[in-house]
Amino acid sequence: MPLQCGIVGLPNVGKSTLFNSLSNAKAQAANFPFCTIEPNVGVITVPDPRLEAISALVHPQNVVPNTIEIVDIAGLVKGASKGEGLGNQFLGNIRNTDAIIHVVRCFEDENVVHVDGNVNPVRDKEIIDFELELKDLESIDKRIQKVEKQAKTDKKLQKTLEVLSKVKHHLEEGKPARGLDLTPEDLEEISDLHLITLKPVLYLANVDEGSVINGNAHTAKLIEAIKGEKAEILMISAKIESEIAEILDQEERKDYLAMYGLTEPGINRLIRSAYSLLNLITYFTAGEKEVRAWPIPKGTKAPGAAGVIHTDFEKGFIRAEVIAYDDYIKYGSEAACRDAGRLLVQGKDYIVNDGDVMHFRFNV
């Protein structure tokens, strides 16, 4: 299954406009709440110049980049956790994603209605946070009631109860669960709850054209508000991105970007940030038939990386032949890297590095 990032936020903050720019899937964008009812899903390519560089050397029949699914989820409002504004449906859509892109309006425009009457990014962020935290609290409370009964006869569940209580207390303080220092063992205890506020989040400040480089008073307040949250923030202008998406000529694109002091579309930065948000790195396979980028979590060992291609590769793993990306580009081919002693044979304990060019040997 492809990894998914869900775009969330209040109505009319620019979610669907950004989604359209990302995926070229023309999600309906309009100046009223709940324009997006069913979540729009777009598959986007992760920009990676390394894939292009390897392909230029190999000249394969096919080039396959990494992709991520972006899910445009309808705007949440106060009371969403209790079902307001189709809230339960929307929150269910968020729960199914791997990471969250939280779009926050940081621009003034009297022609674009704000659901709460005026622009206040900190308040808007807190509205969404509050609804997500309430939904997680609901899940936690249900589980605590169940585990408390079971723990009377099964002392092993005391650990589960401790973790649940710890998370509940944190949420009740109005803080997302991802801000807690939970061990891998703690996370395993509550993994089946799929808590929304445990998901990694990228705050996307949607700014006016003049604030895309240095931000503005609204972004300064938002940056201050997310300190200590284990979250990132990215400034982007949905208006610029929507106009860029309509320009097909590359030179015209460069000229248009230069007007705002940009060297690339903000969408490219957003896609890379989303990829990083999911804690992913890339390794490559390279041959005459295909050059391909493969996404794996950081820290993955060679057999696990092989399993991304096919489960049989992991089950029958013998060894991996590995060339560092810089070496591949320097020497120009697998054969040249082998002759130079830069093709290394690695076993089951090898932790794959970002950019490795790999070939797997396995038993069928």
Protein backbone atom coordinates (compact mmCIF):
# COMPACT_ATOMS: atom_id res chain seq x y z
CA MET A 1 0.00 0.00 0.00
CA PRO A 2 1.32 3.48 -0.85
CA LEU A 3 2.09 5.76 2.07
CA GLN A 4 -0.45 8.53 2.62
CA CYS A 5 -0.27 12.11 3.87
CA GLY A 6 -3.59 13.72 4.75
CA ILE A 7 -4.11 17.44 4.17
CA VAL A 8 -6.23 18.89 6.99
CA GLY A 9 -7.29 22.32 8.20
CA LEU A 10 -10.29 24.59 8.64
CA PRO A 11 -12.50 25.31 5.62
CA ASN A 12 -11.16 27.89 3.15
CA VAL A 13 -7.49 27.76 4.17
CA GLY A 14 -6.29 26.62 0.73
CA LYS A 15 -6.21 22.82 1.11
CA SER A 16 -7.89 21.95 -2.19
CA THR A 17 -5.94 24.61 -4.09
CA LEU A 18 -2.71 23.06 -2.83
CA PHE A 19 -3.97 19.57 -3.56
CA ASN A 20 -4.73 20.57 -7.15
CA SER A 21 -1.22 21.98 -7.52
CA LEU A 22 0.28 18.81 -6.06
CA SER A 23 -1.58 16.22 -8.04
CA ASN A 24 -3.08 18.04 -11.00
CA ALA A 25 -6.30 16.31 -9.95
CA LYS A 26 -8.81 19.14 -10.15
CA ALA A 27 -10.43 18.83 -6.75
CA GLN A 28 -13.34 21.24 -6.47
CA ALA A 29 -12.19 24.49 -4.87
CA ALA A 30 -14.78 27.04 -3.82
CA ASN A 31 -15.28 29.90 -1.39
CA PHE A 32 -17.51 28.10 1.09
CA PRO A 33 -17.09 25.41 3.80
CA PHE A 34 -17.40 21.68 3.08
CA CYS A 35 -16.67 22.06 -0.60
CA THR A 36 -14.68 18.83 -0.28
CA ILE A 37 -16.95 16.08 1.04
CA GLU A 38 -15.32 12.82 -0.01
CA PRO A 39 -11.52 12.83 0.32
CA ASN A 40 -9.75 13.41 -2.99
CA VAL A 41 -6.69 11.19 -3.42
CA GLY A 42 -3.76 12.07 -5.67
CA VAL A 43 -0.59 10.11 -6.32
CA ILE A 44 2.42 12.42 -6.52
CA THR A 45 6.01 11.86 -7.57
CA VAL A 46 8.83 12.57 -5.10
CA PRO A 47 11.36 14.81 -6.89
CA ASP A 48 14.82 13.19 -6.77
CA PRO A 49 17.63 14.41 -9.06
CA ARG A 50 19.64 11.29 -8.13
CA LEU A 51 17.17 9.12 -10.03
CA GLU A 52 17.65 11.31 -13.09
CA ALA A 53 21.45 11.17 -12.77
CA ILE A 54 21.51 7.36 -12.54
CA SER A 55 19.09 7.06 -15.47
CA ALA A 56 21.30 9.32 -17.60
CA LEU A 57 24.16 6.82 -17.11
CA VAL A 58 22.15 3.61 -17.53
CA HIS A 59 19.68 4.63 -20.29
CA PRO A 60 17.00 2.22 -19.06
CA GLN A 61 13.77 1.31 -20.84
CA ASN A 62 11.78 2.53 -17.86
CA VAL A 63 12.27 4.93 -14.92
CA VAL A 64 10.10 4.57 -11.81
CA PRO A 65 10.24 7.28 -9.13
CA ASN A 66 8.98 7.13 -5.55
CA THR A 67 5.39 8.20 -5.00
CA ILE A 68 3.24 9.31 -2.07
CA GLU A 69 -0.53 9.51 -1.88
CA ILE A 70 -1.91 12.88 -0.82
CA VAL A 71 -5.43 12.82 0.62
CA ASP A 72 -7.39 16.08 0.59
CA ILE A 73 -9.69 15.82 3.61
CA ALA A 74 -12.65 18.16 4.01
CA GLY A 75 -12.32 21.10 6.40
CA LEU A 76 -12.85 20.42 10.09
CA VAL A 77 -14.84 22.75 12.36
CA LYS A 78 -15.49 23.11 16.07
CA GLY A 79 -17.39 20.07 17.29
CA ALA A 80 -15.99 17.73 14.62
CA SER A 81 -15.13 15.15 17.30
CA LYS A 82 -18.85 15.08 18.19
CA GLY A 83 -19.94 14.77 14.56
CA GLU A 84 -20.36 18.47 13.67
CA GLY A 85 -19.83 19.25 9.99
CA LEU A 86 -19.58 15.56 9.02
CA GLY A 87 -16.74 15.45 11.55
CA ASN A 88 -16.77 11.73 12.31
CA GLN A 89 -16.36 10.87 8.64
CA PHE A 90 -13.52 13.36 8.23
CA LEU A 91 -11.72 12.22 11.37
CA GLY A 92 -11.97 8.64 10.17
CA ASN A 93 -10.25 9.65 6.94
CA ILE A 94 -7.42 11.29 8.92
CA ARG A 95 -6.98 8.17 11.06
CA ASN A 96 -6.21 6.13 7.94
CA THR A 97 -3.27 8.32 6.86
CA ASP A 98 0.39 7.87 7.84
CA ALA A 99 1.16 11.57 8.41
CA ILE A 100 -0.66 14.90 8.52
CA ILE A 101 -0.10 18.09 6.55
CA HIS A 102 -1.93 20.75 8.56
CA VAL A 103 -2.66 23.78 6.38
CA VAL A 104 -3.04 27.03 8.32
CA ARG A 105 -4.21 30.29 6.75
CA CYS A 106 -1.61 33.02 7.20
CA PHE A 107 -2.83 35.54 4.62
CA GLU A 108 -5.35 38.38 4.61
CA ASP A 109 -7.90 38.54 1.79
CA GLU A 110 -11.32 40.11 2.29
CA ASN A 111 -12.59 38.20 -0.76
CA VAL A 112 -11.93 34.80 0.87
CA VAL A 113 -14.37 34.04 3.67
CA HIS A 114 -12.92 32.79 6.96
CA VAL A 115 -15.15 30.34 8.79
CA ASP A 116 -14.53 32.18 12.12
CA GLY A 117 -14.66 35.72 10.72
CA ASN A 118 -11.00 36.74 10.90
CA VAL A 119 -7.50 35.39 10.32
CA ASN A 120 -5.86 33.97 13.45
CA PRO A 121 -3.51 31.05 12.68
CA VAL A 122 -2.85 30.10 16.32
CA ARG A 123 -6.57 29.91 17.11
CA ASP A 124 -7.22 27.97 13.89
CA LYS A 125 -4.44 25.49 14.71
CA GLU A 126 -5.78 25.01 18.22
CA ILE A 127 -9.31 24.32 16.92
CA ILE A 128 -8.04 21.45 14.80
CA ASP A 129 -5.71 20.20 17.56
CA PHE A 130 -8.54 20.24 20.10
CA GLU A 131 -10.85 18.18 17.90
CA LEU A 132 -8.14 15.62 17.15
CA GLU A 133 -7.18 15.38 20.82
CA LEU A 134 -10.82 14.85 21.82
CA LYS A 135 -11.15 12.03 19.31
CA ASP A 136 -7.99 10.39 20.67
CA LEU A 137 -9.25 10.80 24.25
CA GLU A 138 -12.43 9.02 23.25
CA SER A 139 -10.38 6.08 21.95
CA ILE A 140 -8.15 6.06 25.04
CA ASP A 141 -11.08 6.14 27.49
CA LYS A 142 -12.80 3.22 25.77
CA ARG A 143 -9.61 1.17 25.90
CA ILE A 144 -8.92 2.03 29.57
CA GLN A 145 -12.39 0.82 30.57
CA LYS A 146 -11.76 -2.46 28.79
CA VAL A 147 -8.19 -2.98 30.07
CA GLU A 148 -9.06 -2.10 33.69
CA LYS A 149 -11.47 -5.04 33.80
CA GLN A 150 -9.00 -7.43 32.16
CA ALA A 151 -6.08 -6.26 34.34
CA LYS A 152 -7.82 -7.63 37.46
CA THR A 153 -7.04 -11.15 36.26
CA ASP A 154 -4.07 -10.46 33.95
CA LYS A 155 -1.27 -8.53 35.67
CA LYS A 156 0.64 -8.25 32.37
CA LEU A 157 -1.87 -5.60 31.31
CA GLN A 158 -0.67 -3.22 34.04
CA LYS A 159 1.98 -1.93 31.61
CA THR A 160 -0.69 -1.27 28.98
CA LEU A 161 -2.77 0.58 31.55
CA GLU A 162 0.20 2.73 32.59
CA VAL A 163 0.86 3.80 29.00
CA LEU A 164 -2.82 4.53 28.35
CA SER A 165 -3.02 6.65 31.51
CA LYS A 166 0.13 8.54 30.57
CA VAL A 167 -1.23 9.40 27.13
CA LYS A 168 -4.64 10.33 28.55
CA HIS A 169 -3.12 12.77 31.04
CA HIS A 170 -1.06 14.40 28.27
CA LEU A 171 -4.10 14.80 26.01
CA GLU A 172 -6.16 16.24 28.85
CA GLU A 173 -3.53 18.97 29.18
CA GLY A 174 -4.33 19.96 25.58
CA LYS A 175 -1.16 18.50 24.13
CA PRO A 176 -0.86 16.11 21.14
CA ALA A 177 0.36 12.59 21.92
CA ARG A 178 3.39 12.97 19.60
CA GLY A 179 4.89 15.38 22.16
CA LEU A 180 5.26 12.55 24.68
CA ASP A 181 8.56 10.70 25.06
CA LEU A 182 7.23 7.20 24.47
CA THR A 183 9.56 4.22 24.09
CA PRO A 184 9.14 1.75 21.21
CA GLU A 185 7.65 -0.65 23.77
CA ASP A 186 5.16 2.02 24.89
CA LEU A 187 4.14 2.68 21.30
CA GLU A 188 3.62 -1.03 20.70
CA GLU A 189 1.15 -1.14 23.61
CA ILE A 190 -1.14 1.40 21.91
CA SER A 191 -0.32 0.83 18.22
CA ASP A 192 -3.71 -0.69 17.40
CA LEU A 193 -5.49 2.51 18.51
CA HIS A 194 -4.01 4.44 15.55
CA LEU A 195 -4.07 7.67 17.54
CA ILE A 196 -4.38 10.72 15.28
CA THR A 197 -2.19 13.02 17.39
CA LEU A 198 0.64 10.48 17.41
CA LYS A 199 1.04 10.91 13.66
CA PRO A 200 3.92 13.11 12.46
CA VAL A 201 2.72 16.55 11.35
CA LEU A 202 3.94 19.27 9.01
CA TYR A 203 2.37 22.69 9.51
CA LEU A 204 1.93 24.36 6.14
CA ALA A 205 1.58 28.12 6.46
CA ASN A 206 -0.38 29.33 3.44
CA VAL A 207 0.90 32.90 2.94
CA ASP A 208 0.40 35.75 0.48
CA GLU A 209 2.83 36.11 -2.44
CA GLY A 210 4.93 38.73 -0.68
CA SER A 211 5.51 36.59 2.42
CA VAL A 212 6.65 33.36 0.79
CA ILE A 213 10.35 33.95 1.58
CA ASN A 214 10.43 35.65 4.99
CA GLY A 215 6.94 35.04 6.32
CA ASN A 216 4.79 37.63 8.10
CA ALA A 217 3.28 38.44 11.49
CA HIS A 218 0.90 35.49 11.21
CA THR A 219 3.67 32.95 10.53
CA ALA A 220 5.77 34.34 13.40
CA LYS A 221 2.91 33.61 15.82
CA LEU A 222 2.41 30.14 14.37
CA ILE A 223 6.12 29.29 14.68
CA GLU A 224 6.03 30.31 18.33
CA ALA A 225 2.88 28.26 18.95
CA ILE A 226 4.34 24.95 17.71
CA LYS A 227 7.58 25.08 19.71
CA GLY A 228 8.17 21.82 21.57
CA GLU A 229 5.65 19.94 19.45
CA LYS A 230 8.07 17.79 17.46
CA ALA A 231 6.62 19.29 14.29
CA GLU A 232 7.96 21.17 11.28
CA ILE A 233 6.64 24.25 9.49
CA LEU A 234 6.87 25.20 5.83
CA MET A 235 5.77 28.48 4.22
CA ILE A 236 4.08 28.26 0.85
CA SER A 237 1.73 30.38 -1.25
CA ALA A 238 -1.15 28.35 -2.65
CA LYS A 239 -1.87 31.16 -5.09
CA ILE A 240 1.67 31.04 -6.53
CA GLU A 241 1.58 27.25 -6.70
CA SER A 242 -1.75 27.18 -8.52
CA GLU A 243 -0.44 29.65 -11.11
CA ILE A 244 2.86 27.75 -11.50
CA ALA A 245 0.91 24.55 -12.18
CA GLU A 246 -0.69 26.20 -15.22
CA ILE A 247 2.66 27.24 -16.79
CA LEU A 248 3.98 24.43 -18.98
CA ASP A 249 7.05 26.14 -20.45
CA GLN A 250 10.03 25.54 -18.14
CA GLU A 251 11.75 28.85 -18.92
CA GLU A 252 8.54 30.76 -18.23
CA ARG A 253 8.27 28.89 -14.95
CA LYS A 254 11.78 29.92 -13.95
CA ASP A 255 11.04 33.56 -14.79
CA TYR A 256 7.80 33.48 -12.83
CA LEU A 257 9.50 31.93 -9.77
CA ALA A 258 12.33 34.47 -9.97
CA MET A 259 9.76 37.27 -9.58
CA TYR A 260 9.20 36.04 -6.02
CA GLY A 261 12.82 35.12 -5.26
CA LEU A 262 12.17 31.39 -5.65
CA THR A 263 14.34 28.80 -7.40
CA GLU A 264 11.76 25.99 -7.44
CA PRO A 265 8.04 25.56 -6.78
CA GLY A 266 7.11 25.32 -3.12
CA ILE A 267 5.31 22.11 -4.01
CA ASN A 268 8.70 20.43 -4.53
CA ARG A 269 9.75 21.42 -1.02
CA LEU A 270 6.43 20.21 0.32
CA ILE A 271 6.76 16.79 -1.33
CA ARG A 272 10.31 16.33 0.00
CA SER A 273 9.18 17.44 3.46
CA ALA A 274 6.29 14.97 3.35
CA TYR A 275 8.69 12.20 2.41
CA SER A 276 10.97 13.14 5.30
CA LEU A 277 7.94 13.42 7.59
CA LEU A 278 7.26 9.74 6.94
CA ASN A 279 10.84 8.98 8.08
CA LEU A 280 11.73 7.52 4.69
CA ILE A 281 14.95 7.21 2.73
CA THR A 282 15.52 5.98 -0.83
CA TYR A 283 17.62 3.24 -2.33
CA PHE A 284 17.89 2.51 -6.04
CA THR A 285 18.00 -0.48 -8.36
CA ALA A 286 19.58 0.13 -11.75
CA GLY A 287 19.53 -2.02 -14.89
CA GLU A 288 18.88 -1.79 -18.61
CA LYS A 289 15.20 -2.61 -18.19
CA GLU A 290 14.52 -0.29 -15.28
CA VAL A 291 15.99 2.28 -12.92
CA ARG A 292 13.80 2.57 -9.86
CA ALA A 293 13.64 4.40 -6.54
CA TRP A 294 12.45 2.38 -3.54
CA PRO A 295 11.19 3.97 -0.29
CA ILE A 296 12.14 2.37 3.03
CA PRO A 297 12.08 3.58 6.65
CA LYS A 298 15.38 4.87 8.04
CA GLY A 299 17.28 2.10 9.79
CA THR A 300 16.02 -0.70 7.52
CA LYS A 301 18.41 -3.63 7.13
CA ALA A 302 19.25 -5.19 3.76
CA PRO A 303 16.74 -8.10 3.93
CA GLY A 304 13.93 -5.68 4.76
CA ALA A 305 14.92 -3.45 1.85
CA ALA A 306 14.87 -6.49 -0.44
CA GLY A 307 11.40 -7.36 0.84
CA VAL A 308 10.05 -4.06 -0.49
CA ILE A 309 10.65 -5.44 -4.00
CA HIS A 310 9.20 -8.88 -3.22
CA THR A 311 8.68 -10.89 -0.05
CA ASP A 312 10.61 -13.80 -1.61
CA PHE A 313 13.70 -11.56 -1.78
CA GLU A 314 13.57 -11.10 1.99
CA LYS A 315 12.79 -14.73 2.81
CA GLY A 316 15.60 -16.09 0.64
CA PHE A 317 18.07 -13.25 1.19
CA ILE A 318 21.72 -14.24 0.74
CA ARG A 319 23.57 -10.95 0.30
CA ALA A 320 23.31 -7.45 -1.12
CA GLU A 321 25.72 -5.89 -3.58
CA VAL A 322 25.88 -2.22 -2.68
CA ILE A 323 27.32 0.85 -4.40
CA ALA A 324 27.13 4.26 -2.73
CA TYR A 325 25.38 6.82 -4.93
CA ASP A 326 28.42 9.14 -5.13
CA ASP A 327 30.60 6.23 -6.25
CA TYR A 328 28.09 5.18 -8.89
CA ILE A 329 28.06 8.69 -10.37
CA LYS A 330 31.84 9.04 -10.10
CA TYR A 331 32.68 5.78 -11.88
CA GLY A 332 29.68 5.76 -14.22
CA SER A 333 28.54 2.13 -14.08
CA GLU A 334 28.22 -0.96 -11.91
CA ALA A 335 31.09 -2.65 -13.79
CA ALA A 336 33.41 0.32 -13.28
CA CYS A 337 32.53 0.44 -9.55
CA ARG A 338 33.27 -3.28 -9.27
CA ASP A 339 36.66 -2.84 -10.98
CA ALA A 340 37.48 0.06 -8.64
CA GLY A 341 36.57 -1.96 -5.57
CA ARG A 342 33.61 0.26 -4.78
CA LEU A 343 30.96 -2.48 -5.05
CA LEU A 344 30.63 -3.88 -1.54
CA VAL A 345 29.05 -7.20 -0.56
CA GLN A 346 26.85 -6.79 2.54
CA GLY A 347 25.03 -9.31 4.74
CA LYS A 348 21.82 -9.44 6.75
CA ASP A 349 22.91 -6.86 9.33
CA TYR A 350 23.75 -4.12 6.83
CA ILE A 351 21.71 -0.95 7.44
CA VAL A 352 20.82 0.62 4.11
CA ASN A 353 22.02 4.19 3.51
CA ASP A 354 20.05 6.84 1.67
CA GLY A 355 21.06 6.72 -2.00
CA ASP A 356 22.53 3.20 -2.05
CA VAL A 357 22.37 1.49 -5.44
CA MET A 358 21.62 -2.16 -4.64
CA HIS A 359 21.40 -5.59 -6.22
CA PHE A 360 20.13 -8.55 -4.18
CA ARG A 361 21.12 -12.21 -4.29
CA PHE A 362 18.56 -14.64 -2.90
CA ASN A 363 17.38 -18.25 -2.90
CA VAL A 364 14.00 -18.94 -4.45
